[in-house]
C-alpha cells in the first residue's frame, strides 16, 4: 500500500512538473537578425534631383535617405549603416564646404563605418584629414599603407561590432590610385594587392577575432568587361574565403538585388552595389540560427 501511494505521488508530481512546460520550452531559440544598410558613390548629392532631370527626376536626397533609414531602424533594432566610398566630389556643396556638410549629414544619419574612394582624395590628404572631426563614424582601409603620410594611424584596417551577441567584422579595400588621382593628392600612400590583403583580413576576422559575419567595404568596382584582369568585387569573391558580404562602389553599378558568387571553397558570397548619387539604399538582412546563417536583400529607391 505504501509502495502504491509512493508511485502515485511520484507520477502526480512528475505530471505537475511537465504540466508547467509548454512545447516552446523545447523549441529552438528564435533566429537573430542583423540588418546591413549601405550606400556608395553618393558624390556630394545632398538635394534630390530636380523634377526636370531626364534620368533621375525627383529622386534621391539626403533628407529622404535619413527618413528611410530611421523608419528601417524602428523596425529592426540591430542595424549597421555603411558606405563604400566616393562620398566627396560631384556638386557645388563639395566645392564650397570641402566635405564638411557630407560628413555632418552622415553623422546625423548615424553611419557606423565607411571606406575611402578615389574621389575622397580630391582635396588631398590634408583636405580629408581636415574634415574628419565632422565625422562621428570611422573609416577603414586595409590595402592603403598610410605610414608615411599625415593619415598614419587615422585609418584602421578593420573594425568589429557586436549586435545581439553576433560579432561582425568589417574591413575596407581601395582601388589603385595611380592614374585616377593626382599624385600630389595621395602623396606617399602605398597601394597593396587587395586580393592578398583581403584574404589576410578575412582570416584574421573569422579565425582570430572569431567574427560570425565578415563584410568587405570595397571601392574596387563590381566588374570590368573591357579589363577582365583588373581586380574587382567578383574576382575578390572568387579568389578568397571567409567573406560573407562584399559591399561595393566605384563602378556606379545598379543591381536589382545582391549578386551571388562562389568563393574559393565553393561557398556563397553576396556582392552588392546600389548605383550612385544616393538614389538607392541597400538592405541585407542576415538571420543567425544555431549552426546556420541565411540572408535576404533588396535595393530600395530613395
C-alpha atoms as a PDB file:
ATOM      1  CA  UNK A   1       0.000   0.000   0.000  1.00  0.00           C
ATOM      2  CA  UNK A   2       2.804   2.363   0.880  1.00  0.00           C
ATOM      3  CA  UNK A   3       4.606   1.429  -2.317  1.00  0.00           C
ATOM      4  CA  UNK A   4       1.476   2.127  -4.402  1.00  0.00           C
ATOM      5  CA  UNK A   5       0.987   5.537  -2.713  1.00  0.00           C
ATOM      6  CA  UNK A   6       4.619   6.423  -3.409  1.00  0.00           C
ATOM      7  CA  UNK A   7       4.318   5.564  -7.104  1.00  0.00           C
ATOM      8  CA  UNK A   8       1.087   7.530  -7.455  1.00  0.00           C
ATOM      9  CA  UNK A   9       2.505  10.582  -5.696  1.00  0.00           C
ATOM     10  CA  UNK A  10       5.682  10.426  -7.772  1.00  0.00           C
ATOM     11  CA  UNK A  11       3.694  10.172 -11.002  1.00  0.00           C
ATOM     12  CA  UNK A  12       1.468  13.073  -9.963  1.00  0.00           C
ATOM     13  CA  UNK A  13       4.498  15.181  -9.105  1.00  0.00           C
ATOM     14  CA  UNK A  14       6.070  14.423 -12.484  1.00  0.00           C
ATOM     15  CA  UNK A  15       2.857  15.396 -14.223  1.00  0.00           C
ATOM     16  CA  UNK A  16       2.850  18.728 -12.371  1.00  0.00           C
ATOM     17  CA  UNK A  17       6.432  19.446 -13.431  1.00  0.00           C
ATOM     18  CA  UNK A  18       5.752  18.551 -17.060  1.00  0.00           C
ATOM     19  CA  UNK A  19       2.472  20.430 -16.945  1.00  0.00           C
ATOM     20  CA  UNK A  20       4.377  23.638 -16.291  1.00  0.00           C
ATOM     21  CA  UNK A  21       6.298  23.293 -19.550  1.00  0.00           C
ATOM     22  CA  UNK A  22       4.958  24.223 -22.954  1.00  0.00           C
ATOM     23  CA  UNK A  23       6.174  22.818 -26.255  1.00  0.00           C
ATOM     24  CA  UNK A  24       8.021  26.102 -26.833  1.00  0.00           C
ATOM     25  CA  UNK A  25      10.237  25.285 -23.853  1.00  0.00           C
ATOM     26  CA  UNK A  26      11.900  22.623 -26.012  1.00  0.00           C
ATOM     27  CA  UNK A  27      11.923  24.641 -29.278  1.00  0.00           C
ATOM     28  CA  UNK A  28      14.992  26.166 -30.924  1.00  0.00           C
ATOM     29  CA  UNK A  29      15.679  29.789 -29.928  1.00  0.00           C
ATOM     30  CA  UNK A  30      14.413  32.333 -32.479  1.00  0.00           C
ATOM     31  CA  UNK A  31      16.808  33.462 -35.199  1.00  0.00           C
ATOM     32  CA  UNK A  32      18.851  36.595 -34.518  1.00  0.00           C
ATOM     33  CA  UNK A  33      18.529  39.217 -37.228  1.00  0.00           C
ATOM     34  CA  UNK A  34      21.263  41.658 -38.275  1.00  0.00           C
ATOM     35  CA  UNK A  35      20.344  44.356 -40.815  1.00  0.00           C
ATOM     36  CA  UNK A  36      23.018  45.899 -43.027  1.00  0.00           C
ATOM     37  CA  UNK A  37      22.131  49.181 -44.751  1.00  0.00           C
ATOM     38  CA  UNK A  38      24.569  50.644 -47.245  1.00  0.00           C
ATOM     39  CA  UNK A  39      25.339  53.330 -49.818  1.00  0.00           C
ATOM     40  CA  UNK A  40      28.169  54.038 -52.252  1.00  0.00           C
ATOM     41  CA  UNK A  41      29.328  56.811 -54.584  1.00  0.00           C
ATOM     42  CA  UNK A  42      26.956  59.434 -53.182  1.00  0.00           C
ATOM     43  CA  UNK A  43      29.287  62.111 -54.604  1.00  0.00           C
ATOM     44  CA  UNK A  44      28.094  65.055 -52.513  1.00  0.00           C
ATOM     45  CA  UNK A  45      24.487  64.786 -53.718  1.00  0.00           C
ATOM     46  CA  UNK A  46      22.630  66.450 -50.851  1.00  0.00           C
ATOM     47  CA  UNK A  47      19.462  67.560 -52.642  1.00  0.00           C
ATOM     48  CA  UNK A  48      17.064  65.417 -54.675  1.00  0.00           C
ATOM     49  CA  UNK A  49      17.459  65.607 -58.441  1.00  0.00           C
ATOM     50  CA  UNK A  50      15.166  68.243 -59.956  1.00  0.00           C
ATOM     51  CA  UNK A  51      11.811  67.188 -61.379  1.00  0.00           C
ATOM     52  CA  UNK A  52      13.082  68.170 -64.818  1.00  0.00           C
ATOM     53  CA  UNK A  53      16.114  65.835 -64.706  1.00  0.00           C
ATOM     54  CA  UNK A  54      15.962  63.489 -67.734  1.00  0.00           C
ATOM     55  CA  UNK A  55      17.379  60.439 -65.912  1.00  0.00           C
ATOM     56  CA  UNK A  56      16.551  60.706 -62.202  1.00  0.00           C
ATOM     57  CA  UNK A  57      13.629  63.141 -61.817  1.00  0.00           C
ATOM     58  CA  UNK A  58      12.819  63.940 -58.187  1.00  0.00           C
ATOM     59  CA  UNK A  59      14.954  61.064 -56.891  1.00  0.00           C
ATOM     60  CA  UNK A  60      17.486  60.875 -54.067  1.00  0.00           C
ATOM     61  CA  UNK A  61      18.274  63.477 -51.433  1.00  0.00           C
ATOM     62  CA  UNK A  62      19.889  63.233 -48.001  1.00  0.00           C
ATOM     63  CA  UNK A  63      16.707  64.129 -46.078  1.00  0.00           C
ATOM     64  CA  UNK A  64      14.728  61.355 -47.750  1.00  0.00           C
ATOM     65  CA  UNK A  65      17.505  58.856 -47.133  1.00  0.00           C
ATOM     66  CA  UNK A  66      17.610  59.841 -43.463  1.00  0.00           C
ATOM     67  CA  UNK A  67      13.839  59.334 -43.135  1.00  0.00           C
ATOM     68  CA  UNK A  68      14.057  55.931 -44.815  1.00  0.00           C
ATOM     69  CA  UNK A  69      16.937  54.823 -42.600  1.00  0.00           C
ATOM     70  CA  UNK A  70      15.104  55.922 -39.481  1.00  0.00           C
ATOM     71  CA  UNK A  71      11.968  54.001 -40.453  1.00  0.00           C
ATOM     72  CA  UNK A  72      14.009  50.829 -41.014  1.00  0.00           C
ATOM     73  CA  UNK A  73      15.760  51.266 -37.660  1.00  0.00           C
ATOM     74  CA  UNK A  74      12.407  51.492 -35.885  1.00  0.00           C
ATOM     75  CA  UNK A  75      11.513  48.013 -37.155  1.00  0.00           C
ATOM     76  CA  UNK A  76      14.986  46.480 -36.880  1.00  0.00           C
ATOM     77  CA  UNK A  77      16.916  47.001 -33.632  1.00  0.00           C
ATOM     78  CA  UNK A  78      20.242  45.591 -34.877  1.00  0.00           C
ATOM     79  CA  UNK A  79      21.275  47.821 -37.789  1.00  0.00           C
ATOM     80  CA  UNK A  80      24.677  48.760 -39.212  1.00  0.00           C
ATOM     81  CA  UNK A  81      24.840  51.626 -41.740  1.00  0.00           C
ATOM     82  CA  UNK A  82      27.863  51.524 -44.056  1.00  0.00           C
ATOM     83  CA  UNK A  83      29.305  53.414 -47.047  1.00  0.00           C
ATOM     84  CA  UNK A  84      31.684  52.112 -49.734  1.00  0.00           C
ATOM     85  CA  UNK A  85      33.399  55.364 -50.657  1.00  0.00           C
ATOM     86  CA  UNK A  86      33.372  58.358 -53.013  1.00  0.00           C
ATOM     87  CA  UNK A  87      31.482  60.457 -50.512  1.00  0.00           C
ATOM     88  CA  UNK A  88      33.164  63.579 -51.954  1.00  0.00           C
ATOM     89  CA  UNK A  89      33.037  65.423 -55.279  1.00  0.00           C
ATOM     90  CA  UNK A  90      30.104  65.910 -57.603  1.00  0.00           C
ATOM     91  CA  UNK A  91      28.162  69.035 -56.607  1.00  0.00           C
ATOM     92  CA  UNK A  92      28.973  72.619 -55.530  1.00  0.00           C
ATOM     93  CA  UNK A  93      28.424  71.554 -51.912  1.00  0.00           C
ATOM     94  CA  UNK A  94      31.796  69.839 -52.018  1.00  0.00           C
ATOM     95  CA  UNK A  95      33.478  72.669 -53.897  1.00  0.00           C
ATOM     96  CA  UNK A  96      32.283  75.165 -51.273  1.00  0.00           C
ATOM     97  CA  UNK A  97      32.405  73.184 -48.000  1.00  0.00           C
ATOM     98  CA  UNK A  98      35.132  70.650 -48.824  1.00  0.00           C
ATOM     99  CA  UNK A  99      33.247  67.652 -47.414  1.00  0.00           C
ATOM    100  CA  UNK A 100      32.136  69.156 -44.109  1.00  0.00           C
ATOM    101  CA  UNK A 101      28.440  69.016 -44.998  1.00  0.00           C
ATOM    102  CA  UNK A 102      28.639  65.423 -46.236  1.00  0.00           C
ATOM    103  CA  UNK A 103      30.287  64.187 -43.034  1.00  0.00           C
ATOM    104  CA  UNK A 104      27.911  66.136 -40.798  1.00  0.00           C
ATOM    105  CA  UNK A 105      24.849  64.746 -42.570  1.00  0.00           C
ATOM    106  CA  UNK A 106      26.195  61.182 -42.459  1.00  0.00           C
ATOM    107  CA  UNK A 107      26.875  61.639 -38.751  1.00  0.00           C
ATOM    108  CA  UNK A 108      23.283  62.792 -38.232  1.00  0.00           C
ATOM    109  CA  UNK A 109      22.130  59.638 -40.048  1.00  0.00           C
ATOM    110  CA  UNK A 110      24.343  57.660 -37.647  1.00  0.00           C
ATOM    111  CA  UNK A 111      26.570  55.929 -40.182  1.00  0.00           C
ATOM    112  CA  UNK A 112      28.671  53.308 -38.430  1.00  0.00           C
ATOM    113  CA  UNK A 113      31.587  52.921 -40.835  1.00  0.00           C
ATOM    114  CA  UNK A 114      32.881  53.872 -44.302  1.00  0.00           C
ATOM    115  CA  UNK A 115      35.809  53.241 -46.589  1.00  0.00           C
ATOM    116  CA  UNK A 116      37.641  55.647 -48.906  1.00  0.00           C
ATOM    117  CA  UNK A 117      37.048  56.013 -52.626  1.00  0.00           C
ATOM    118  CA  UNK A 118      39.451  57.648 -55.051  1.00  0.00           C
ATOM    119  CA  UNK A 119      37.433  60.903 -55.058  1.00  0.00           C
ATOM    120  CA  UNK A 120      37.790  61.184 -51.299  1.00  0.00           C
ATOM    121  CA  UNK A 121      41.396  62.207 -52.081  1.00  0.00           C
ATOM    122  CA  UNK A 122      40.322  65.089 -54.337  1.00  0.00           C
ATOM    123  CA  UNK A 123      41.282  67.751 -51.781  1.00  0.00           C
ATOM    124  CA  UNK A 124      44.420  65.850 -50.852  1.00  0.00           C
ATOM    125  CA  UNK A 125      45.265  64.052 -47.650  1.00  0.00           C
ATOM    126  CA  UNK A 126      45.186  67.344 -45.769  1.00  0.00           C
ATOM    127  CA  UNK A 127      41.704  68.123 -47.083  1.00  0.00           C
ATOM    128  CA  UNK A 128      40.387  64.727 -45.989  1.00  0.00           C
ATOM    129  CA  UNK A 129      42.051  64.971 -42.585  1.00  0.00           C
ATOM    130  CA  UNK A 130      40.593  68.463 -42.035  1.00  0.00           C
ATOM    131  CA  UNK A 131      37.053  67.060 -42.379  1.00  0.00           C
ATOM    132  CA  UNK A 132      37.469  64.005 -40.128  1.00  0.00           C
ATOM    133  CA  UNK A 133      36.427  65.901 -36.950  1.00  0.00           C
ATOM    134  CA  UNK A 134      32.989  66.325 -38.581  1.00  0.00           C
ATOM    135  CA  UNK A 135      32.543  62.545 -38.892  1.00  0.00           C
ATOM    136  CA  UNK A 136      31.206  60.674 -35.865  1.00  0.00           C
ATOM    137  CA  UNK A 137      31.957  57.403 -37.699  1.00  0.00           C
ATOM    138  CA  UNK A 138      35.308  55.836 -38.598  1.00  0.00           C
ATOM    139  CA  UNK A 139      36.975  54.869 -41.877  1.00  0.00           C
ATOM    140  CA  UNK A 140      38.582  51.509 -42.646  1.00  0.00           C
ATOM    141  CA  UNK A 141      41.039  50.537 -45.354  1.00  0.00           C
ATOM    142  CA  UNK A 142      43.429  47.579 -45.267  1.00  0.00           C
ATOM    143  CA  UNK A 143      45.375  47.857 -48.542  1.00  0.00           C
ATOM    144  CA  UNK A 144      46.450  51.510 -48.419  1.00  0.00           C
ATOM    145  CA  UNK A 145      49.595  51.997 -46.358  1.00  0.00           C
ATOM    146  CA  UNK A 146      49.464  55.497 -44.868  1.00  0.00           C
ATOM    147  CA  UNK A 147      52.509  55.168 -42.586  1.00  0.00           C
ATOM    148  CA  UNK A 148      54.496  57.903 -44.358  1.00  0.00           C
ATOM    149  CA  UNK A 149      51.550  60.303 -44.562  1.00  0.00           C
ATOM    150  CA  UNK A 150      49.519  62.547 -42.262  1.00  0.00           C
ATOM    151  CA  UNK A 151      46.807  59.863 -42.169  1.00  0.00           C
ATOM    152  CA  UNK A 152      49.086  57.426 -40.366  1.00  0.00           C
ATOM    153  CA  UNK A 153      47.065  55.899 -37.527  1.00  0.00           C
ATOM    154  CA  UNK A 154      43.861  57.644 -38.605  1.00  0.00           C
ATOM    155  CA  UNK A 155      42.522  54.860 -40.850  1.00  0.00           C
ATOM    156  CA  UNK A 156      42.229  51.377 -39.335  1.00  0.00           C
ATOM    157  CA  UNK A 157      42.307  48.198 -41.456  1.00  0.00           C
ATOM    158  CA  UNK A 158      39.131  46.846 -39.879  1.00  0.00           C
ATOM    159  CA  UNK A 159      36.585  47.339 -37.128  1.00  0.00           C
ATOM    160  CA  UNK A 160      34.363  44.914 -35.220  1.00  0.00           C
ATOM    161  CA  UNK A 161      30.849  45.384 -33.852  1.00  0.00           C
ATOM    162  CA  UNK A 162      28.661  43.240 -31.623  1.00  0.00           C
ATOM    163  CA  UNK A 163      24.890  43.284 -32.200  1.00  0.00           C
ATOM    164  CA  UNK A 164      22.627  40.983 -30.163  1.00  0.00           C
ATOM    165  CA  UNK A 165      25.594  38.736 -29.394  1.00  0.00           C
ATOM    166  CA  UNK A 166      26.602  38.468 -33.071  1.00  0.00           C
ATOM    167  CA  UNK A 167      30.152  39.635 -33.797  1.00  0.00           C
ATOM    168  CA  UNK A 168      30.585  41.443 -37.117  1.00  0.00           C
ATOM    169  CA  UNK A 169      33.969  42.232 -38.645  1.00  0.00           C
ATOM    170  CA  UNK A 170      34.300  44.824 -41.425  1.00  0.00           C
ATOM    171  CA  UNK A 171      37.409  45.720 -43.426  1.00  0.00           C
ATOM    172  CA  UNK A 172      37.984  48.116 -46.312  1.00  0.00           C
ATOM    173  CA  UNK A 173      39.705  47.898 -49.706  1.00  0.00           C
ATOM    174  CA  UNK A 174      40.579  50.701 -52.125  1.00  0.00           C
ATOM    175  CA  UNK A 175      41.344  50.905 -55.826  1.00  0.00           C
ATOM    176  CA  UNK A 176      44.756  51.669 -57.326  1.00  0.00           C
ATOM    177  CA  UNK A 177      45.123  55.456 -57.041  1.00  0.00           C
ATOM    178  CA  UNK A 178      47.813  55.841 -59.693  1.00  0.00           C
ATOM    179  CA  UNK A 179      46.188  57.099 -62.862  1.00  0.00           C
ATOM    180  CA  UNK A 180      42.970  58.066 -61.074  1.00  0.00           C
ATOM    181  CA  UNK A 181      44.231  60.610 -58.544  1.00  0.00           C
ATOM    182  CA  UNK A 182      46.858  63.325 -58.851  1.00  0.00           C
ATOM    183  CA  UNK A 183      49.979  62.022 -57.051  1.00  0.00           C
ATOM    184  CA  UNK A 184      50.204  65.264 -55.087  1.00  0.00           C
ATOM    185  CA  UNK A 185      46.847  64.372 -53.504  1.00  0.00           C
ATOM    186  CA  UNK A 186      47.790  60.946 -52.169  1.00  0.00           C
ATOM    187  CA  UNK A 187      51.493  61.658 -51.590  1.00  0.00           C
ATOM    188  CA  UNK A 188      53.313  58.560 -50.239  1.00  0.00           C
ATOM    189  CA  UNK A 189      50.219  56.406 -49.808  1.00  0.00           C
ATOM    190  CA  UNK A 190      51.234  52.871 -50.844  1.00  0.00           C
ATOM    191  CA  UNK A 191      48.775  50.626 -52.680  1.00  0.00           C
ATOM    192  CA  UNK A 192      48.973  46.931 -51.770  1.00  0.00           C
ATOM    193  CA  UNK A 193      47.454  43.959 -53.617  1.00  0.00           C
ATOM    194  CA  UNK A 194      43.810  43.873 -52.495  1.00  0.00           C
ATOM    195  CA  UNK A 195      43.370  40.114 -53.093  1.00  0.00           C
ATOM    196  CA  UNK A 196      46.212  39.137 -50.768  1.00  0.00           C
ATOM    197  CA  UNK A 197      45.231  41.744 -48.199  1.00  0.00           C
ATOM    198  CA  UNK A 198      41.593  40.641 -48.335  1.00  0.00           C
ATOM    199  CA  UNK A 199      42.441  37.024 -47.594  1.00  0.00           C
ATOM    200  CA  UNK A 200      44.642  38.039 -44.657  1.00  0.00           C
ATOM    201  CA  UNK A 201      41.904  40.304 -43.298  1.00  0.00           C
ATOM    202  CA  UNK A 202      39.158  37.702 -43.713  1.00  0.00           C
ATOM    203  CA  UNK A 203      41.273  35.072 -41.975  1.00  0.00           C
ATOM    204  CA  UNK A 204      42.022  37.447 -39.110  1.00  0.00           C
ATOM    205  CA  UNK A 205      38.390  38.417 -38.647  1.00  0.00           C
ATOM    206  CA  UNK A 206      36.979  34.896 -38.944  1.00  0.00           C
ATOM    207  CA  UNK A 207      39.572  32.912 -37.015  1.00  0.00           C
ATOM    208  CA  UNK A 208      41.405  35.342 -34.737  1.00  0.00           C
ATOM    209  CA  UNK A 209      38.623  37.802 -33.944  1.00  0.00           C
ATOM    210  CA  UNK A 210      36.019  34.964 -34.095  1.00  0.00           C
ATOM    211  CA  UNK A 211      33.540  37.014 -36.124  1.00  0.00           C
ATOM    212  CA  UNK A 212      30.210  35.452 -37.051  1.00  0.00           C
ATOM    213  CA  UNK A 213      29.820  37.765 -40.063  1.00  0.00           C
ATOM    214  CA  UNK A 214      32.652  39.138 -42.235  1.00  0.00           C
ATOM    215  CA  UNK A 215      31.998  42.117 -44.529  1.00  0.00           C
ATOM    216  CA  UNK A 216      34.288  43.846 -47.022  1.00  0.00           C
ATOM    217  CA  UNK A 217      33.672  47.503 -47.889  1.00  0.00           C
ATOM    218  CA  UNK A 218      35.194  47.653 -51.357  1.00  0.00           C
ATOM    219  CA  UNK A 219      35.897  50.516 -53.708  1.00  0.00           C
ATOM    220  CA  UNK A 220      37.410  48.211 -56.343  1.00  0.00           C
ATOM    221  CA  UNK A 221      34.434  48.165 -58.728  1.00  0.00           C
ATOM    222  CA  UNK A 222      31.882  45.427 -59.459  1.00  0.00           C
ATOM    223  CA  UNK A 223      33.439  44.140 -62.716  1.00  0.00           C
ATOM    224  CA  UNK A 224      35.175  45.408 -65.878  1.00  0.00           C
ATOM    225  CA  UNK A 225      34.041  43.919 -69.195  1.00  0.00           C
ATOM    226  CA  UNK A 226      36.879  45.536 -71.134  1.00  0.00           C
ATOM    227  CA  UNK A 227      39.522  44.831 -68.483  1.00  0.00           C
ATOM    228  CA  UNK A 228      38.889  41.255 -67.284  1.00  0.00           C
ATOM    229  CA  UNK A 229      42.185  41.076 -65.369  1.00  0.00           C
ATOM    230  CA  UNK A 230      41.552  44.239 -63.359  1.00  0.00           C
ATOM    231  CA  UNK A 231      40.802  43.435 -59.714  1.00  0.00           C
ATOM    232  CA  UNK A 232      37.087  43.753 -58.989  1.00  0.00           C
ATOM    233  CA  UNK A 233      34.486  42.576 -56.492  1.00  0.00           C
ATOM    234  CA  UNK A 234      33.551  39.390 -58.367  1.00  0.00           C
ATOM    235  CA  UNK A 235      37.219  38.446 -58.669  1.00  0.00           C
ATOM    236  CA  UNK A 236      37.637  39.196 -54.971  1.00  0.00           C
ATOM    237  CA  UNK A 237      34.743  36.899 -54.073  1.00  0.00           C
ATOM    238  CA  UNK A 238      36.014  34.031 -56.267  1.00  0.00           C
ATOM    239  CA  UNK A 239      39.604  34.125 -55.042  1.00  0.00           C
ATOM    240  CA  UNK A 240      39.145  34.391 -51.276  1.00  0.00           C
ATOM    241  CA  UNK A 241      37.300  32.656 -48.464  1.00  0.00           C
ATOM    242  CA  UNK A 242      35.711  33.636 -45.133  1.00  0.00           C
ATOM    243  CA  UNK A 243      33.997  36.742 -46.609  1.00  0.00           C
ATOM    244  CA  UNK A 244      30.188  36.708 -46.360  1.00  0.00           C
ATOM    245  CA  UNK A 245      29.333  40.039 -47.988  1.00  0.00           C
ATOM    246  CA  UNK A 246      31.120  42.479 -50.302  1.00  0.00           C
ATOM    247  CA  UNK A 247      29.585  45.953 -50.413  1.00  0.00           C
ATOM    248  CA  UNK A 248      30.990  47.638 -53.488  1.00  0.00           C
ATOM    249  CA  UNK A 249      31.477  51.014 -55.083  1.00  0.00           C
ATOM    250  CA  UNK A 250      33.349  52.882 -57.836  1.00  0.00           C
ATOM    251  CA  UNK A 251      31.647  51.477 -60.964  1.00  0.00           C
ATOM    252  CA  UNK A 252      28.215  53.001 -60.168  1.00  0.00           C
ATOM    253  CA  UNK A 253      26.631  49.603 -60.811  1.00  0.00           C
ATOM    254  CA  UNK A 254      22.864  49.464 -60.339  1.00  0.00           C
ATOM    255  CA  UNK A 255      21.996  45.946 -59.158  1.00  0.00           C
ATOM    256  CA  UNK A 256      18.383  44.861 -58.765  1.00  0.00           C
ATOM    257  CA  UNK A 257      19.357  42.532 -55.934  1.00  0.00           C
ATOM    258  CA  UNK A 258      22.591  41.236 -54.361  1.00  0.00           C
ATOM    259  CA  UNK A 259      24.684  39.120 -56.733  1.00  0.00           C
ATOM    260  CA  UNK A 260      25.689  35.668 -55.523  1.00  0.00           C
ATOM    261  CA  UNK A 261      29.227  34.461 -56.314  1.00  0.00           C
ATOM    262  CA  UNK A 262      31.021  31.305 -55.160  1.00  0.00           C
ATOM    263  CA  UNK A 263      34.251  31.679 -53.205  1.00  0.00           C
ATOM    264  CA  UNK A 264      37.391  29.547 -53.460  1.00  0.00           C
ATOM    265  CA  UNK A 265      35.745  26.885 -51.278  1.00  0.00           C
ATOM    266  CA  UNK A 266      32.504  26.889 -53.255  1.00  0.00           C
ATOM    267  CA  UNK A 267      30.578  28.800 -50.594  1.00  0.00           C
ATOM    268  CA  UNK A 268      28.240  31.658 -51.460  1.00  0.00           C
ATOM    269  CA  UNK A 269      29.342  35.285 -51.157  1.00  0.00           C
ATOM    270  CA  UNK A 270      26.882  38.153 -51.526  1.00  0.00           C
ATOM    271  CA  UNK A 271      28.095  41.091 -53.630  1.00  0.00           C
ATOM    272  CA  UNK A 272      26.025  44.263 -53.700  1.00  0.00           C
ATOM    273  CA  UNK A 273      26.230  47.802 -55.077  1.00  0.00           C
ATOM    274  CA  UNK A 274      23.447  50.389 -55.264  1.00  0.00           C
ATOM    275  CA  UNK A 275      24.445  52.650 -58.148  1.00  0.00           C
ATOM    276  CA  UNK A 276      25.358  56.198 -57.167  1.00  0.00           C
ATOM    277  CA  UNK A 277      24.268  59.691 -56.043  1.00  0.00           C
ATOM    278  CA  UNK A 278      22.184  58.459 -53.113  1.00  0.00           C
ATOM    279  CA  UNK A 279      19.455  57.238 -55.476  1.00  0.00           C
ATOM    280  CA  UNK A 280      19.185  53.879 -53.715  1.00  0.00           C
ATOM    281  CA  UNK A 281      19.745  52.308 -50.328  1.00  0.00           C
ATOM    282  CA  UNK A 282      20.848  48.697 -49.983  1.00  0.00           C
ATOM    283  CA  UNK A 283      19.390  46.459 -47.280  1.00  0.00           C
ATOM    284  CA  UNK A 284      20.638  42.966 -46.480  1.00  0.00           C
ATOM    285  CA  UNK A 285      19.192  41.024 -43.546  1.00  0.00           C
ATOM    286  CA  UNK A 286      21.215  38.170 -42.034  1.00  0.00           C
ATOM    287  CA  UNK A 287      19.489  35.552 -39.883  1.00  0.00           C
ATOM    288  CA  UNK A 288      21.507  33.519 -37.402  1.00  0.00           C
ATOM    289  CA  UNK A 289      20.282  30.191 -36.016  1.00  0.00           C
ATOM    290  CA  UNK A 290      22.389  27.523 -34.272  1.00  0.00           C
ATOM    291  CA  UNK A 291      24.868  26.305 -36.900  1.00  0.00           C
ATOM    292  CA  UNK A 292      23.136  28.168 -39.716  1.00  0.00           C
ATOM    293  CA  UNK A 293      23.168  31.606 -41.348  1.00  0.00           C
ATOM    294  CA  UNK A 294      20.796  32.803 -44.071  1.00  0.00           C
ATOM    295  CA  UNK A 295      20.149  36.147 -45.738  1.00  0.00           C
ATOM    296  CA  UNK A 296      17.884  38.147 -47.983  1.00  0.00           C
ATOM    297  CA  UNK A 297      18.483  41.500 -49.640  1.00  0.00           C
ATOM    298  CA  UNK A 298      16.772  44.271 -51.501  1.00  0.00           C
ATOM    299  CA  UNK A 299      17.505  47.592 -53.185  1.00  0.00           C
ATOM    300  CA  UNK A 300      15.317  50.485 -52.008  1.00  0.00           C
ATOM    301  CA  UNK A 301      14.715  53.534 -54.206  1.00  0.00           C
ATOM    302  CA  UNK A 302      15.070  56.832 -52.372  1.00  0.00           C
END
